[in-house]
Amino acid sequence: MLLTEQRVNEGGTPQGISGAEAANSEGSRSREADDSPMKVAGHEDVSGSVVDREEWLDFLRLSMIEGVGPKTRRILLDRFGSAAAVFRAPRSVLRQLPGVGPMLAERIASAPVEAELAQLLELCDHQGVLIITELDRLYPEPLRQVSDPPGVLFCRGQLLPTDSLAVAIVGTRHPTTYGLRMARQLAAGLARAGVTVVSGLARGIDGAAHQAALEAGGRTIAVLASGVLKIYPPEHAELAEHICRRGALISESAPYAEPLGSKFPQRNRLISGLSLGTIVVEAGDHSGALITANHAMEQGREVFAVPGRAEDRTARGCNQLIRDGATLVETAEDVLEVIEPIWQRWAGRAGFAKNGSREGLHPSGFGTSKGKADNAHQETLVQPSLPLLEECERRVLEAIDPEATLIDRVVARTGLPVSEVLSAISMLELRQLIRRVGGNSVCRR
C-alpha cells in the first residue's frame, strides 16, 4: 500500500512531514546513525506535544497494515506502548492478542520499511496529498470522538478547525427532481450559514450537495471509498478539483486505491463521524445512505430526514427514519435550530481555539465602546482579548451590527471572499462574540 504526504496550506506553509524529510532516514530501520530525534513541523498531538519523525513513521506503518483496524491498533498500542514496540514484538507474542492471528502477525512483521514509506511520501509530495495521522493536530476532532477512528487519513485540499461545524447530506444515486432540489436547497442554506457540508462524492444526492455548497460560497468535504487520486465516479473528477480548492477530499485508503465495494460502508462511518448530524435526502430500503444514518446514531450524532411521498420508492428509507425518531427537516433552518446548541456544548467540551488546538475557551464579557469608523458601520470593540482574533475575524466582527446584519452585507463591508466570511462567522459564534439571527443574519452579542 502506498501513502504519501505533504501538503501546503493556503499561505504555502508545509503542514506535514515531507518526502525529503522521510528520505533522510536513508531507507533503513536502524536508528543508530541518528541519535537525536528530528521534530517534524506540523506533527503535534492535540495536547501540543511534538512527535518525532520516527514515532510518526512507525505509527503510519502500523496504520497502513491490512487487517489492523481501529480496535486492533488500540489493542496493540495498549499492550506494547508504541508502534515501534509492536514491530519489535515476537510473532508468538503478537498471536496471543485478540484479533491477531498468524496471518496478521506475519503482516505486522513484514510491514513497509522506511525506504518504502519515503517513496510513498515523495509521491504524495508531488501529487499534493497530505497524510494526517491520529498523532497530528490536523486530525479532525470529531473523528477522535468515535469508537473506531481511522489511524490515517489522506487529504487533498485543506481541513480547517471550522470544519468541525459540519453536517452530512447523503442520499440515493438515483434521485427524483424533488430530491435533487431539496439536497441543493439544504446544502446551500447550510453553507451560507457557515456549516461545512460533508458527503461522499457519489452520483445523485451527494454530488448535488457538494455542488450547491460550492455555489453558495461555502466549504464542503468529500469522503471517498477510493484513493484521493483515484476519483470515483470518474465523471465527478472536475467537481473533485473544485472541492479541493474550497474544502477537501479525504480517504483512509491509499492515494491510488480502487473503489472496492467493501470500502463504501467504512467510508460511510467517516461521513457521519466528521459531522454533527446527517441528513438523508431520498433513500430506498437498502440504501447506503441508511448505513450512514445508522453510523450516525451509533456515534451519538443527530439524524435528519427529508420526508417524501408514501408511494415513492426513494422515500421509503427517509420515512422509516422519521418513524424511528429522526428529525423531519424541510429547510436548513430546521437543521440549524438543532445543531447550534449541540455545537456550542460539544465545541466547548473539545476546547477548540482558532488554530485548531485544544486550548480552553472561556467566554468573557466582551464590552463595546462607541466610536466613528465609517458611515456604514460605527462600532469598534476595545477588548484586551480582541488582538487574539485573526485579521479576517476582526474585520468580520467589525462589520456586524448589534442588530441583525445580513451575511451578504458583512461580505460587502469586508470585501472578503464569502468562504472566508462564513469561516470567520463560525469562529466568532464559537467565541460567543456574535449569534445567529435566522439562517442568513448575525448580530453582536
Protein backbone atom coordinates (compact mmCIF):
# COMPACT_ATOMS: atom_id res chain seq x y z
CA MET A 1 0.00 0.00 0.00
CA LEU A 2 1.11 3.48 -0.69
CA LEU A 3 0.60 6.51 1.41
CA THR A 4 2.13 9.84 0.87
CA GLU A 5 2.20 13.07 2.46
CA GLN A 6 2.85 16.63 2.38
CA ARG A 7 0.63 19.46 1.54
CA VAL A 8 0.95 23.14 1.92
CA ASN A 9 -1.67 25.40 3.37
CA GLU A 10 -3.07 28.39 1.54
CA GLY A 11 -0.15 30.52 2.63
CA GLY A 12 2.35 27.98 1.30
CA THR A 13 3.50 26.72 4.70
CA PRO A 14 4.29 22.97 4.91
CA GLN A 15 1.78 21.16 7.13
CA GLY A 16 3.27 17.73 7.41
CA ILE A 17 6.30 15.52 7.10
CA SER A 18 7.77 15.80 3.62
CA GLY A 19 9.19 13.15 1.36
CA ALA A 20 12.60 14.75 1.68
CA GLU A 21 12.44 14.52 5.46
CA ALA A 22 11.42 10.90 5.28
CA ALA A 23 14.18 10.17 2.80
CA ASN A 24 16.70 11.41 5.32
CA SER A 25 16.18 8.09 7.04
CA GLU A 26 18.20 6.58 4.11
CA GLY A 27 15.77 3.70 3.81
CA SER A 28 16.94 1.99 6.95
CA ARG A 29 15.05 0.94 10.07
CA SER A 30 18.25 1.39 12.04
CA ARG A 31 18.20 4.41 14.32
CA GLU A 32 21.80 4.15 15.42
CA ALA A 33 23.01 6.63 12.80
CA ASP A 34 20.99 9.49 14.25
CA ASP A 35 20.50 9.53 17.98
CA SER A 36 18.70 12.87 18.03
CA PRO A 37 15.01 12.67 17.15
CA MET A 38 14.05 15.07 14.42
CA LYS A 39 11.00 17.15 15.21
CA VAL A 40 8.55 17.29 12.34
CA ALA A 41 6.74 20.54 11.69
CA GLY A 42 3.01 20.14 11.87
CA HIS A 43 3.04 16.80 13.67
CA GLU A 44 1.88 17.67 17.12
CA ASP A 45 -0.68 15.77 19.13
CA VAL A 46 -3.78 17.52 20.39
CA SER A 47 -2.20 18.37 23.74
CA GLY A 48 0.54 20.30 21.94
CA SER A 49 3.49 17.92 22.34
CA VAL A 50 5.51 17.31 19.18
CA VAL A 51 6.20 13.78 17.98
CA ASP A 52 9.46 12.96 16.31
CA ARG A 53 9.86 11.65 12.80
CA GLU A 54 10.47 8.03 13.75
CA GLU A 55 7.43 7.84 16.02
CA TRP A 56 5.24 9.35 13.30
CA LEU A 57 6.56 6.96 10.65
CA ASP A 58 6.10 3.94 12.92
CA PHE A 59 2.51 4.92 13.61
CA LEU A 60 1.97 5.39 9.88
CA ARG A 61 3.42 1.94 9.13
CA LEU A 62 1.15 0.33 11.70
CA SER A 63 -1.95 2.09 10.40
CA MET A 64 -1.21 1.01 6.83
CA ILE A 65 -1.15 -2.71 7.57
CA GLU A 66 -4.12 -4.55 6.10
CA GLY A 67 -6.14 -6.08 8.92
CA VAL A 68 -5.00 -3.61 11.58
CA GLY A 69 -8.22 -1.71 12.09
CA PRO A 70 -9.01 0.80 14.84
CA LYS A 71 -9.76 -1.81 17.51
CA THR A 72 -6.76 -3.99 16.75
CA ARG A 73 -4.49 -0.95 16.58
CA ARG A 74 -5.69 0.15 20.01
CA ILE A 75 -5.12 -3.36 21.43
CA LEU A 76 -1.58 -3.43 20.05
CA LEU A 77 -0.69 0.05 21.31
CA ASP A 78 -2.20 -0.61 24.75
CA ARG A 79 -0.24 -3.86 25.04
CA PHE A 80 3.14 -2.65 23.75
CA GLY A 81 3.05 1.08 24.42
CA SER A 82 4.17 2.32 20.99
CA ALA A 83 4.12 1.35 17.33
CA ALA A 84 7.88 0.78 17.40
CA ALA A 85 7.45 -1.73 20.23
CA VAL A 86 4.75 -3.52 18.23
CA PHE A 87 7.23 -4.10 15.39
CA ARG A 88 9.83 -5.42 17.84
CA ALA A 89 7.40 -7.92 19.36
CA PRO A 90 7.91 -11.63 18.50
CA ARG A 91 5.27 -13.21 16.30
CA SER A 92 4.44 -15.68 19.07
CA VAL A 93 3.55 -12.82 21.41
CA LEU A 94 1.53 -10.98 18.76
CA ARG A 95 -0.57 -14.10 18.10
CA GLN A 96 -1.69 -14.16 21.73
CA LEU A 97 -3.59 -10.89 21.36
CA PRO A 98 -7.30 -10.76 20.47
CA GLY A 99 -7.84 -10.33 16.75
CA VAL A 100 -4.22 -11.11 15.81
CA GLY A 101 -3.85 -14.46 14.11
CA PRO A 102 -0.83 -15.97 12.33
CA MET A 103 -1.52 -14.11 9.05
CA LEU A 104 -1.85 -10.71 10.68
CA ALA A 105 1.20 -11.33 12.86
CA GLU A 106 3.16 -12.03 9.67
CA ARG A 107 1.85 -8.84 8.04
CA ILE A 108 2.95 -6.82 11.07
CA ALA A 109 6.40 -8.38 10.95
CA SER A 110 6.75 -7.55 7.25
CA ALA A 111 5.32 -4.01 7.39
CA PRO A 112 6.80 -1.45 4.94
CA VAL A 113 10.27 -0.20 5.84
CA GLU A 114 11.19 3.47 5.82
CA ALA A 115 12.53 3.32 2.27
CA GLU A 116 9.09 2.30 1.04
CA LEU A 117 7.45 4.97 3.18
CA ALA A 118 9.82 7.59 1.79
CA GLN A 119 8.78 6.59 -1.72
CA LEU A 120 5.15 6.99 -0.74
CA LEU A 121 5.80 10.35 0.92
CA GLU A 122 7.59 11.57 -2.17
CA LEU A 123 4.66 10.56 -4.34
CA CYS A 124 2.27 12.48 -2.12
CA ASP A 125 4.59 15.47 -2.16
CA HIS A 126 4.39 15.58 -5.92
CA GLN A 127 0.64 14.97 -6.04
CA GLY A 128 -0.35 17.38 -3.26
CA VAL A 129 -1.65 14.74 -0.85
CA LEU A 130 -1.42 15.30 2.88
CA ILE A 131 -1.14 12.38 5.28
CA ILE A 132 -2.79 13.03 8.62
CA THR A 133 -2.44 10.52 11.44
CA GLU A 134 -4.11 10.44 14.84
CA LEU A 135 -0.88 11.92 16.21
CA ASP A 136 -1.39 15.14 14.28
CA ARG A 137 -3.16 18.30 15.40
CA LEU A 138 -4.70 18.48 11.93
CA TYR A 139 -6.63 15.26 12.57
CA PRO A 140 -10.37 16.15 12.58
CA GLU A 141 -11.51 16.46 16.17
CA PRO A 142 -14.99 14.94 15.59
CA LEU A 143 -13.37 11.71 14.37
CA ARG A 144 -11.43 11.40 17.61
CA GLN A 145 -14.77 11.08 19.39
CA VAL A 146 -15.98 7.97 17.54
CA SER A 147 -15.25 4.43 18.69
CA ASP A 148 -13.39 3.37 15.54
CA PRO A 149 -11.40 6.35 14.21
CA PRO A 150 -9.10 5.71 11.25
CA GLY A 151 -5.42 5.81 12.14
CA VAL A 152 -4.53 7.71 9.00
CA LEU A 153 -6.30 9.96 6.51
CA PHE A 154 -5.15 11.01 3.06
CA CYS A 155 -6.23 14.52 2.18
CA ARG A 156 -6.26 16.72 -0.90
CA GLY A 157 -7.24 20.28 -0.20
CA GLN A 158 -7.27 21.75 3.29
CA LEU A 159 -9.05 20.86 6.51
CA LEU A 160 -9.83 23.77 8.83
CA PRO A 161 -10.79 23.86 12.52
CA THR A 162 -14.15 25.32 11.49
CA ASP A 163 -14.88 22.13 9.54
CA SER A 164 -15.82 20.62 12.88
CA LEU A 165 -19.08 22.53 12.43
CA ALA A 166 -20.27 20.15 9.73
CA VAL A 167 -23.42 18.40 8.58
CA ALA A 168 -23.54 15.45 6.19
CA ILE A 169 -26.03 15.27 3.33
CA VAL A 170 -26.43 11.83 1.75
CA GLY A 171 -28.99 10.01 -0.35
CA THR A 172 -29.76 7.86 -3.33
CA ARG A 173 -27.71 7.75 -6.51
CA HIS A 174 -30.96 7.83 -8.47
CA PRO A 175 -32.83 10.84 -7.09
CA THR A 176 -36.03 12.42 -8.25
CA THR A 177 -36.21 16.06 -9.27
CA TYR A 178 -37.67 16.78 -5.82
CA GLY A 179 -34.76 15.05 -4.09
CA LEU A 180 -32.16 16.98 -6.06
CA ARG A 181 -33.94 20.26 -5.33
CA MET A 182 -34.10 19.53 -1.59
CA ALA A 183 -30.44 18.46 -1.44
CA ARG A 184 -29.37 21.67 -3.16
CA GLN A 185 -31.53 23.90 -1.01
CA LEU A 186 -30.33 22.31 2.22
CA ALA A 187 -26.67 22.32 1.20
CA ALA A 188 -26.78 25.93 0.02
CA GLY A 189 -28.59 27.10 3.16
CA LEU A 190 -26.16 25.34 5.49
CA ALA A 191 -23.14 26.57 3.52
CA ARG A 192 -24.36 30.16 3.70
CA ALA A 193 -24.74 29.73 7.45
CA GLY A 194 -21.05 28.72 7.76
CA VAL A 195 -21.64 24.98 8.09
CA THR A 196 -19.29 22.66 6.18
CA VAL A 197 -21.25 20.19 4.03
CA VAL A 198 -19.91 16.61 4.10
CA SER A 199 -20.86 13.90 1.60
CA GLY A 200 -19.45 11.01 -0.40
CA LEU A 201 -19.00 12.40 -3.94
CA ALA A 202 -21.39 9.74 -5.25
CA ARG A 203 -23.78 10.29 -8.12
CA GLY A 204 -27.14 11.81 -7.30
CA ILE A 205 -27.75 13.45 -3.93
CA ASP A 206 -24.08 13.52 -2.86
CA GLY A 207 -22.88 15.33 -5.96
CA ALA A 208 -25.77 17.80 -5.81
CA ALA A 209 -24.98 18.64 -2.19
CA HIS A 210 -21.28 19.25 -2.89
CA GLN A 211 -22.04 21.40 -5.92
CA ALA A 212 -24.67 23.51 -4.14
CA ALA A 213 -22.36 24.16 -1.17
CA LEU A 214 -19.64 25.40 -3.51
CA GLU A 215 -22.04 27.58 -5.49
CA ALA A 216 -23.23 29.14 -2.21
CA GLY A 217 -19.64 30.14 -1.39
CA GLY A 218 -19.25 27.61 1.42
CA ARG A 219 -16.96 24.72 2.23
CA THR A 220 -17.51 21.04 1.51
CA ILE A 221 -15.66 17.81 2.27
CA ALA A 222 -15.93 14.67 0.12
CA VAL A 223 -15.11 11.35 1.76
CA LEU A 224 -14.04 8.71 -0.76
CA ALA A 225 -14.10 4.92 -0.75
CA SER A 226 -11.31 5.05 -3.34
CA GLY A 227 -8.00 6.84 -3.00
CA VAL A 228 -7.93 10.63 -3.31
CA LEU A 229 -6.01 10.30 -6.59
CA LYS A 230 -8.48 7.76 -7.98
CA ILE A 231 -11.70 9.74 -8.27
CA TYR A 232 -14.89 7.70 -8.34
CA PRO A 233 -17.22 8.12 -10.10
CA PRO A 234 -14.91 9.41 -12.88
CA GLU A 235 -17.47 11.94 -14.12
CA HIS A 236 -17.03 13.80 -10.82
CA ALA A 237 -13.34 14.47 -11.45
CA GLU A 238 -13.95 18.16 -12.21
CA LEU A 239 -16.20 18.53 -9.16
CA ALA A 240 -13.47 16.92 -7.06
CA GLU A 241 -10.97 19.53 -8.23
CA HIS A 242 -13.35 22.33 -7.22
CA ILE A 243 -13.79 20.68 -3.81
CA CYS A 244 -10.00 20.59 -3.33
CA ARG A 245 -9.89 24.36 -3.76
CA ARG A 246 -12.77 25.06 -1.37
CA GLY A 247 -12.61 22.17 1.07
CA ALA A 248 -11.03 18.74 0.99
CA LEU A 249 -11.12 15.23 -0.41
CA ILE A 250 -10.28 12.65 2.24
CA SER A 251 -9.93 8.88 2.36
CA GLU A 252 -8.41 6.27 4.63
CA SER A 253 -7.34 4.29 1.55
CA ALA A 254 -4.00 4.74 -0.19
CA PRO A 255 -3.97 7.52 -2.82
CA TYR A 256 -4.45 5.30 -5.87
CA ALA A 257 -6.66 2.65 -4.23
CA GLU A 258 -9.55 1.32 -6.29
CA PRO A 259 -13.14 1.86 -5.06
CA LEU A 260 -13.80 -1.67 -3.78
CA GLY A 261 -17.34 -2.46 -2.63
CA SER A 262 -16.20 -3.33 0.88
CA LYS A 263 -14.79 0.17 1.33
CA PHE A 264 -18.10 2.01 0.98
CA PRO A 265 -19.61 1.05 4.37
CA GLN A 266 -16.30 2.01 6.00
CA ARG A 267 -16.38 5.31 4.12
CA ASN A 268 -19.91 5.95 5.39
CA ARG A 269 -18.83 5.86 9.04
CA LEU A 270 -16.35 8.66 8.27
CA ILE A 271 -19.03 10.78 6.63
CA SER A 272 -21.15 10.62 9.78
CA GLY A 273 -18.14 10.77 12.09
CA LEU A 274 -16.99 14.07 10.62
CA SER A 275 -20.43 15.61 11.13
CA LEU A 276 -22.62 16.81 13.98
CA GLY A 277 -25.59 15.39 12.13
CA THR A 278 -26.52 13.52 8.97
CA ILE A 279 -29.38 14.48 6.64
CA VAL A 280 -30.82 11.74 4.46
CA VAL A 281 -32.47 13.01 1.26
CA GLU A 282 -34.23 10.16 -0.54
CA ALA A 283 -33.13 6.64 0.26
CA GLY A 284 -34.51 3.26 -0.69
CA ASP A 285 -34.97 0.36 1.69
CA HIS A 286 -31.36 -0.81 1.43
CA SER A 287 -29.62 2.44 0.54
CA GLY A 288 -26.07 3.16 1.59
CA ALA A 289 -27.41 6.42 2.97
CA LEU A 290 -29.25 4.40 5.62
CA ILE A 291 -25.93 2.81 6.60
CA THR A 292 -24.55 6.32 7.10
CA ALA A 293 -27.59 7.21 9.23
CA ASN A 294 -27.09 4.09 11.34
CA HIS A 295 -23.44 5.01 11.87
CA ALA A 296 -24.56 8.49 12.95
CA MET A 297 -26.94 7.01 15.53
CA GLU A 298 -24.24 4.67 16.86
CA GLN A 299 -21.83 7.62 17.11
CA GLY A 300 -24.33 9.68 19.08
CA ARG A 301 -24.83 12.18 16.26
CA GLU A 302 -28.10 13.69 15.06
CA VAL A 303 -30.08 12.09 12.24
CA PHE A 304 -32.34 14.16 9.98
CA ALA A 305 -34.56 13.01 7.15
CA VAL A 306 -36.45 14.78 4.39
CA PRO A 307 -39.99 13.36 4.10
CA GLY A 308 -41.21 12.03 0.78
CA ARG A 309 -44.38 10.75 -0.83
CA ALA A 310 -45.56 7.41 0.51
CA GLU A 311 -45.71 5.77 -2.93
CA ASP A 312 -42.16 6.81 -3.91
CA ARG A 313 -39.61 4.02 -3.62
CA THR A 314 -36.85 6.53 -2.88
CA ALA A 315 -38.85 7.93 0.06
CA ARG A 316 -39.20 4.69 1.99
CA GLY A 317 -35.90 4.95 3.84
CA CYS A 318 -36.43 8.56 4.88
CA ASN A 319 -40.00 8.00 6.01
CA GLN A 320 -38.88 4.99 8.05
CA LEU A 321 -36.11 7.05 9.69
CA ILE A 322 -38.70 9.65 10.69
CA ARG A 323 -40.93 6.93 12.16
CA ASP A 324 -37.90 5.68 14.09
CA GLY A 325 -37.22 9.11 15.60
CA ALA A 326 -35.13 11.02 13.07
CA THR A 327 -35.81 14.76 12.93
CA LEU A 328 -38.00 15.74 10.00
CA VAL A 329 -36.42 18.63 8.08
CA GLU A 330 -37.68 20.82 5.28
CA THR A 331 -35.25 23.76 5.43
CA ALA A 332 -31.69 24.49 6.53
CA GLU A 333 -33.14 26.47 9.45
CA ASP A 334 -34.69 23.24 10.79
CA VAL A 335 -31.20 21.75 10.96
CA LEU A 336 -29.52 24.85 12.39
CA GLU A 337 -32.02 25.01 15.26
CA VAL A 338 -31.00 21.51 16.33
CA ILE A 339 -27.24 21.61 15.81
CA GLU A 340 -26.43 25.10 17.12
CA PRO A 341 -26.84 24.23 20.83
CA ILE A 342 -25.16 20.86 20.23
CA TRP A 343 -22.21 22.62 18.58
CA GLN A 344 -21.86 25.09 21.45
CA ARG A 345 -21.80 22.29 24.04
CA TRP A 346 -19.63 19.95 22.02
CA ALA A 347 -17.08 22.56 20.95
CA GLY A 348 -16.85 23.86 24.49
CA ARG A 349 -16.02 20.38 25.77
CA ALA A 350 -13.50 19.83 22.96
CA GLY A 351 -11.88 23.19 23.76
CA PHE A 352 -11.40 24.47 20.22
CA ALA A 353 -9.34 27.54 19.56
CA LYS A 354 -8.86 29.37 16.31
CA ASN A 355 -5.69 27.47 15.45
CA GLY A 356 -7.28 24.07 15.97
CA SER A 357 -5.52 23.28 19.24
CA ARG A 358 -7.45 22.36 22.32
CA GLU A 359 -6.97 25.49 24.33
CA GLY A 360 -9.70 26.30 26.80
CA LEU A 361 -12.43 28.56 25.55
CA HIS A 362 -13.74 30.62 28.43
CA PRO A 363 -16.28 33.21 27.30
CA SER A 364 -15.69 36.54 28.93
CA GLY A 365 -17.92 39.58 28.93
CA PHE A 366 -16.75 41.47 25.88
CA GLY A 367 -17.67 45.15 26.08
CA THR A 368 -18.03 47.68 23.34
CA SER A 369 -17.39 51.36 23.02
CA LYS A 370 -19.00 53.70 20.56
CA GLY A 371 -16.68 55.27 18.04
CA LYS A 372 -16.69 56.54 14.47
CA ALA A 373 -15.49 54.05 11.89
CA ASP A 374 -17.14 54.80 8.59
CA ASN A 375 -20.62 55.88 7.62
CA ALA A 376 -21.57 52.26 7.02
CA HIS A 377 -20.56 50.96 10.43
CA GLN A 378 -19.81 52.78 13.65
CA GLU A 379 -18.88 50.40 16.41
CA THR A 380 -15.44 49.23 17.50
CA LEU A 381 -14.55 46.67 20.12
CA VAL A 382 -11.84 47.56 22.59
CA GLN A 383 -11.15 44.26 24.34
CA PRO A 384 -7.87 43.00 25.68
CA SER A 385 -8.86 39.67 24.08
CA LEU A 386 -9.56 41.12 20.66
CA PRO A 387 -5.92 41.00 19.45
CA LEU A 388 -6.21 37.19 19.70
CA LEU A 389 -8.52 37.28 16.71
CA GLU A 390 -7.21 36.65 13.24
CA GLU A 391 -7.27 39.69 10.95
CA CYS A 392 -10.11 38.16 8.94
CA GLU A 393 -12.14 37.52 12.10
CA ARG A 394 -11.53 41.05 13.33
CA ARG A 395 -12.75 42.57 10.05
CA VAL A 396 -15.86 40.40 10.05
CA LEU A 397 -16.64 41.25 13.68
CA GLU A 398 -16.32 44.95 13.00
CA ALA A 399 -18.73 44.60 10.07
CA ILE A 400 -21.51 43.13 12.23
CA ASP A 401 -24.03 45.41 13.93
CA PRO A 402 -25.63 44.92 17.37
CA GLU A 403 -28.87 44.34 15.48
CA ALA A 404 -29.47 41.68 12.81
CA THR A 405 -26.98 42.04 9.94
CA LEU A 406 -27.34 40.12 6.70
CA ILE A 407 -24.32 37.94 5.93
CA ASP A 408 -24.35 39.36 2.40
CA ARG A 409 -23.90 42.81 3.94
CA VAL A 410 -20.95 41.57 6.01
CA VAL A 411 -19.37 40.24 2.80
CA ALA A 412 -19.89 43.60 1.10
CA ARG A 413 -18.49 45.58 4.04
CA THR A 414 -15.37 43.48 4.45
CA GLY A 415 -14.65 42.82 0.78
CA LEU A 416 -13.57 39.31 1.79
CA PRO A 417 -14.46 36.11 -0.10
CA VAL A 418 -17.72 34.52 1.03
CA SER A 419 -15.95 31.37 2.22
CA GLU A 420 -13.62 33.39 4.49
CA VAL A 421 -16.53 35.36 5.94
CA LEU A 422 -18.50 32.19 6.68
CA SER A 423 -15.48 30.58 8.32
CA ALA A 424 -14.87 33.69 10.45
CA ILE A 425 -18.52 33.83 11.47
CA SER A 426 -18.34 30.24 12.68
CA MET A 427 -15.31 31.02 14.86
CA LEU A 428 -16.87 34.22 16.22
CA GLU A 429 -20.00 32.26 17.13
CA LEU A 430 -17.83 29.72 18.90
CA ARG A 431 -16.18 32.50 20.88
CA GLN A 432 -19.67 33.77 21.71
CA LEU A 433 -18.93 37.19 20.25
CA ILE A 434 -21.85 37.01 17.85
CA ARG A 435 -25.03 34.99 17.50
CA ARG A 436 -27.07 33.89 14.54
CA VAL A 437 -30.42 35.52 13.85
CA GLY A 438 -32.22 33.22 11.46
CA GLY A 439 -30.36 31.45 8.71
CA ASN A 440 -28.81 34.42 6.89
CA SER A 441 -28.25 37.09 9.56
CA VAL A 442 -26.00 37.56 12.58
CA CYS A 443 -25.66 40.16 15.30
CA ARG A 444 -23.26 41.14 18.09
CA ARG A 445 -23.81 39.58 21.48
